């Protein structure tokens, strides 16, 4: 549990055993960290959760940040095209949306890209830069 170290003491937090090493550092179980992140995502504050479990709030904030990194797989959002094409530029991207599937579709030549709702803007910007560079 502690890489061969024998814990000095073991506390119970939210029904989980949290061993403390001789130097005072605690080994927080992954399930407890996940539960803390879920509660924060549900609206509770980082400070309140940290105080409740006896952890430093910066440590709990790191758990949240690491969980967001794992969840940052591409999730799409709807893109609304401009209503006008700038003078001197041809419109090479076709964007359509249907009521049945609330997603944006970008068609360029043989490529057809579907962008579902909720896609992060930074990921979409990278996709659009790549599309623009391929023209």
Protein backbone atom coordinates (compact mmCIF):
# COMPACT_ATOMS: atom_id res chain seq x y z
CA UNK A 1 0.00 0.00 0.00
CA UNK A 2 2.87 2.40 0.76
CA UNK A 3 5.57 0.94 -1.44
CA UNK A 4 6.88 -1.33 1.31
CA UNK A 5 6.68 1.28 4.08
CA UNK A 6 4.74 0.51 7.21
CA UNK A 7 2.33 3.35 8.00
CA UNK A 8 2.77 5.15 11.30
CA UNK A 9 -1.00 5.46 11.62
CA UNK A 10 -4.10 4.89 9.54
CA UNK A 11 -7.03 7.31 9.60
CA UNK A 12 -10.46 6.65 8.15
CA UNK A 13 -11.87 9.32 5.81
CA UNK A 14 -15.23 8.84 4.07
CA UNK A 15 -14.94 5.11 4.78
CA UNK A 16 -11.46 4.84 3.22
CA UNK A 17 -8.27 3.93 5.06
CA UNK A 18 -5.75 6.77 4.68
CA UNK A 19 -2.32 5.66 5.91
CA UNK A 20 0.18 8.25 7.16
CA UNK A 21 3.91 7.69 6.66
CA UNK A 22 6.42 8.37 9.41
CA UNK A 23 7.24 11.74 7.79
CA UNK A 24 3.59 12.81 8.08
CA UNK A 25 2.65 12.38 4.42
CA UNK A 26 -0.64 10.65 3.73
CA UNK A 27 -1.34 8.18 0.93
CA UNK A 28 -4.77 9.19 -0.42
CA UNK A 29 -6.63 6.27 -2.05
CA UNK A 30 -7.58 6.79 -5.70
CA UNK A 31 -11.26 6.12 -4.92
CA UNK A 32 -11.28 8.84 -2.26
CA UNK A 33 -9.61 11.31 -4.64
CA UNK A 34 -12.19 10.45 -7.33
CA UNK A 35 -15.04 10.96 -4.85
CA UNK A 36 -13.64 14.37 -3.86
CA UNK A 37 -13.37 15.40 -7.52
CA UNK A 38 -16.95 14.23 -8.19
CA UNK A 39 -18.30 16.25 -5.26
CA UNK A 40 -16.43 19.34 -6.44
CA UNK A 41 -17.76 18.83 -9.97
CA UNK A 42 -21.25 18.63 -8.43
CA UNK A 43 -20.80 22.10 -6.94
CA UNK A 44 -19.07 21.76 -3.59
CA UNK A 45 -16.04 23.96 -2.98
CA UNK A 46 -12.44 22.79 -3.00
CA UNK A 47 -11.82 24.45 0.37
CA UNK A 48 -14.83 22.75 1.98
CA UNK A 49 -13.84 19.31 0.68
CA UNK A 50 -10.21 19.81 1.74
CA UNK A 51 -11.27 20.82 5.25
CA UNK A 52 -13.69 17.90 5.49
CA UNK A 53 -11.06 15.28 4.66
CA UNK A 54 -8.14 17.04 6.35
CA UNK A 55 -6.13 17.67 3.18
CA UNK A 56 -4.42 20.80 1.94
CA UNK A 57 -6.68 22.68 -0.48
CA UNK A 58 -3.87 22.98 -3.04
CA UNK A 59 -3.57 19.18 -3.07
CA UNK A 60 -7.30 18.81 -3.69
CA UNK A 61 -7.06 21.43 -6.46
CA UNK A 62 -4.32 19.31 -8.08
CA UNK A 63 -6.65 16.28 -7.98
CA UNK A 64 -9.32 18.31 -9.78
CA UNK A 65 -6.83 19.59 -12.35
CA UNK A 66 -5.49 16.09 -13.04
CA UNK A 67 -9.03 14.73 -13.41
CA UNK A 68 -9.86 17.47 -15.92
CA UNK A 69 -6.77 16.53 -17.93
CA UNK A 70 -7.96 12.93 -18.15
CA UNK A 71 -11.44 14.11 -19.17
CA UNK A 72 -10.17 16.52 -21.81
CA UNK A 73 -10.69 14.09 -24.67
CA UNK A 74 -12.26 15.87 -27.59
CA UNK A 75 -15.83 16.83 -26.82
CA UNK A 76 -17.37 19.02 -29.47
CA UNK A 77 -19.48 22.17 -29.56
CA UNK A 78 -21.64 23.70 -32.24
CA UNK A 79 -19.96 26.13 -34.62
CA UNK A 80 -22.01 28.84 -36.27
CA UNK A 81 -20.52 29.98 -39.59
CA UNK A 82 -20.36 33.66 -40.51
CA UNK A 83 -23.34 34.89 -42.46
CA UNK A 84 -21.17 36.69 -45.00
CA UNK A 85 -18.03 35.73 -46.90
CA UNK A 86 -15.31 38.38 -46.84
CA UNK A 87 -14.68 40.01 -50.21
CA UNK A 88 -11.96 38.23 -52.20
CA UNK A 89 -12.37 34.92 -50.36
CA UNK A 90 -14.28 31.94 -51.58
CA UNK A 91 -16.30 29.92 -49.11
CA UNK A 92 -14.70 26.48 -49.03
CA UNK A 93 -16.31 25.17 -45.85
CA UNK A 94 -19.91 23.99 -45.71
CA UNK A 95 -21.50 23.84 -42.27
CA UNK A 96 -24.87 22.20 -41.72
CA UNK A 97 -26.88 21.35 -38.65
CA UNK A 98 -29.92 19.12 -38.29
CA UNK A 99 -32.55 19.00 -35.57
CA UNK A 100 -32.15 15.22 -35.19
CA UNK A 101 -28.41 15.43 -34.49
CA UNK A 102 -27.39 18.67 -32.76
CA UNK A 103 -23.88 18.72 -34.19
CA UNK A 104 -21.92 20.79 -36.62
CA UNK A 105 -20.65 19.16 -39.80
CA UNK A 106 -17.80 20.67 -41.75
CA UNK A 107 -17.32 19.34 -45.28
CA UNK A 108 -14.20 20.14 -47.26
CA UNK A 109 -13.64 18.16 -50.43
CA UNK A 110 -13.82 14.48 -49.46
CA UNK A 111 -13.47 15.23 -45.74
CA UNK A 112 -16.58 15.37 -43.56
CA UNK A 113 -15.98 16.42 -39.94
CA UNK A 114 -18.76 16.08 -37.35
CA UNK A 115 -18.40 18.27 -34.28
CA UNK A 116 -20.79 17.28 -31.46
CA UNK A 117 -21.98 19.75 -28.79
CA UNK A 118 -19.53 20.50 -25.98
CA UNK A 119 -16.29 20.22 -27.98
CA UNK A 120 -13.56 22.34 -26.30
CA UNK A 121 -12.75 25.54 -28.13
CA UNK A 122 -8.98 25.01 -27.94
CA UNK A 123 -9.26 21.61 -29.64
CA UNK A 124 -11.59 23.02 -32.28
CA UNK A 125 -9.15 25.85 -32.98
CA UNK A 126 -6.42 23.25 -33.66
CA UNK A 127 -8.73 21.34 -36.01
CA UNK A 128 -9.70 24.50 -37.87
CA UNK A 129 -6.03 25.56 -38.17
CA UNK A 130 -5.22 22.17 -39.70
CA UNK A 131 -8.18 22.44 -42.08
CA UNK A 132 -7.16 25.96 -43.07
CA UNK A 133 -3.54 24.84 -43.64
CA UNK A 134 -4.70 22.01 -45.93
CA UNK A 135 -6.42 24.41 -48.33
